Amino acid sequence: MLPNVPDGLTLRWSPAYQPQWDETPHAYVDAGVVGAGRSRRLARAEDVQRSFKAYLGVQHWDPSRWNLPGEERAVFFLSLFRDNRTLALRTYPTVSAALAALYDAWNALA
């Protein structure tokens, strides 16, 4: 279950977003929504009054493409911006975890 969006923060989901995959980011890769070594935005959050925006998405990483050891993986990411400056870029195992981090970051701006 996704947490409620706080008042003052607008959240717009992409048509590519699939709620049934909130705990399985690799499903986006398996379905061809995200290509190998690529990322895709799934949502944009914005609070114009605080000059804040954020992107939530899914990213695929395959270290073999760079001749590096390790297994391929897919994760959800959250990028945070204020006044057009990057505050953070982090990865999360679930959409709920990314949303919780988004809401925490937004609340910290108050």
Protein backbone atom coordinates (compact mmCIF):
# COMPACT_ATOMS: atom_id res chain seq x y z
CA MET A 1 0.00 0.00 0.00
CA LEU A 2 1.40 3.36 -1.02
CA PRO A 3 1.53 6.20 1.51
CA ASN A 4 -0.76 9.18 0.92
CA VAL A 5 0.69 12.18 -0.88
CA PRO A 6 1.11 15.09 1.56
CA ASP A 7 -0.86 18.29 0.92
CA GLY A 8 1.21 20.74 -1.10
CA LEU A 9 3.09 18.07 -3.04
CA THR A 10 1.86 17.10 -6.51
CA LEU A 11 2.63 13.59 -7.72
CA ARG A 12 2.06 12.60 -11.37
CA TRP A 13 2.52 8.99 -12.44
CA SER A 14 3.74 7.99 -15.90
CA PRO A 15 1.62 5.64 -18.02
CA ALA A 16 4.62 3.25 -17.76
CA TYR A 17 4.05 2.88 -13.99
CA GLN A 18 2.66 -0.53 -12.97
CA PRO A 19 1.53 -0.67 -9.32
CA GLN A 20 1.63 -4.47 -9.30
CA TRP A 21 5.44 -4.24 -9.77
CA ASP A 22 6.09 -1.97 -6.74
CA GLU A 23 8.23 -4.64 -5.08
CA THR A 24 9.78 -6.14 -8.22
CA PRO A 25 11.71 -3.54 -10.23
CA HIS A 26 13.09 -6.21 -12.55
CA ALA A 27 9.55 -6.76 -13.86
CA TYR A 28 9.96 -3.50 -15.83
CA VAL A 29 13.05 -4.99 -17.51
CA ASP A 30 11.37 -8.35 -18.13
CA ALA A 31 8.41 -6.57 -19.77
CA GLY A 32 10.67 -4.43 -21.96
CA VAL A 33 9.59 -1.16 -20.33
CA VAL A 34 13.20 -0.50 -19.30
CA GLY A 35 16.04 -1.58 -21.57
CA ALA A 36 19.29 -3.15 -20.44
CA GLY A 37 21.51 -0.52 -18.86
CA ARG A 38 18.76 2.11 -19.04
CA SER A 39 16.39 3.93 -16.70
CA ARG A 40 12.82 5.15 -16.92
CA ARG A 41 10.96 7.77 -14.94
CA LEU A 42 7.79 6.51 -13.33
CA ALA A 43 6.65 9.62 -11.44
CA ARG A 44 7.35 13.30 -10.99
CA ALA A 45 6.71 15.10 -7.71
CA GLU A 46 6.65 18.86 -7.42
CA ASP A 47 6.06 21.65 -4.94
CA VAL A 48 6.37 24.94 -6.83
CA GLN A 49 6.20 27.04 -3.66
CA ARG A 50 9.28 25.30 -2.24
CA SER A 51 11.08 25.14 -5.62
CA PHE A 52 11.20 21.37 -5.12
CA LYS A 53 10.89 18.54 -7.60
CA ALA A 54 11.70 14.86 -7.59
CA TYR A 55 11.71 11.95 -10.00
CA LEU A 56 10.99 8.36 -9.06
CA GLY A 57 11.94 5.71 -11.58
CA VAL A 58 13.42 2.33 -12.28
CA GLN A 59 16.99 1.65 -13.37
CA HIS A 60 18.69 -1.43 -14.79
CA TRP A 61 22.41 -2.02 -14.27
CA ASP A 62 24.43 -4.75 -15.94
CA PRO A 63 28.09 -4.63 -14.89
CA SER A 64 29.09 -7.09 -17.65
CA ARG A 65 28.48 -4.31 -20.18
CA TRP A 66 31.51 -2.57 -18.64
CA ASN A 67 33.57 -5.73 -18.11
CA LEU A 68 32.93 -5.55 -14.39
CA PRO A 69 32.09 -8.43 -12.08
CA GLY A 70 28.66 -8.82 -10.54
CA GLU A 71 25.09 -9.68 -11.35
CA GLU A 72 22.70 -7.49 -13.27
CA ARG A 73 20.06 -5.81 -11.16
CA ALA A 74 17.14 -3.44 -11.31
CA VAL A 75 16.29 -0.92 -8.60
CA PHE A 76 13.96 2.00 -8.06
CA PHE A 77 15.62 5.40 -7.88
CA LEU A 78 14.68 8.76 -6.41
CA SER A 79 16.31 12.00 -7.48
CA LEU A 80 15.61 15.17 -5.48
CA PHE A 81 16.06 18.78 -6.63
CA ARG A 82 15.59 22.20 -5.07
CA ASP A 83 16.14 25.48 -6.89
CA ASN A 84 17.33 23.37 -9.86
CA ARG A 85 20.18 21.91 -7.80
CA THR A 86 20.51 18.21 -7.11
CA LEU A 87 19.97 17.32 -3.46
CA ALA A 88 20.28 13.55 -3.75
CA LEU A 89 20.08 10.50 -5.98
CA ARG A 90 19.46 7.23 -4.18
CA THR A 91 18.20 3.75 -5.01
CA TYR A 92 15.55 1.71 -3.21
CA PRO A 93 14.27 -1.87 -3.34
CA THR A 94 10.57 -0.87 -3.49
CA VAL A 95 8.41 2.02 -4.62
CA SER A 96 7.09 2.40 -1.05
CA ALA A 97 10.62 2.89 0.28
CA ALA A 98 11.35 5.50 -2.39
CA LEU A 99 8.09 7.33 -1.65
CA ALA A 100 8.82 7.32 2.09
CA ALA A 101 12.22 8.89 1.37
CA LEU A 102 10.56 11.45 -0.93
CA TYR A 103 8.05 12.46 1.73
CA ASP A 104 10.77 12.64 4.41
CA ALA A 105 12.89 14.91 2.19
CA TRP A 106 9.92 17.11 1.35
CA ASN A 107 8.89 17.40 5.02
CA ALA A 108 12.47 18.38 5.95
CA LEU A 109 12.15 21.46 3.74
CA ALA A 110 9.41 22.98 5.91
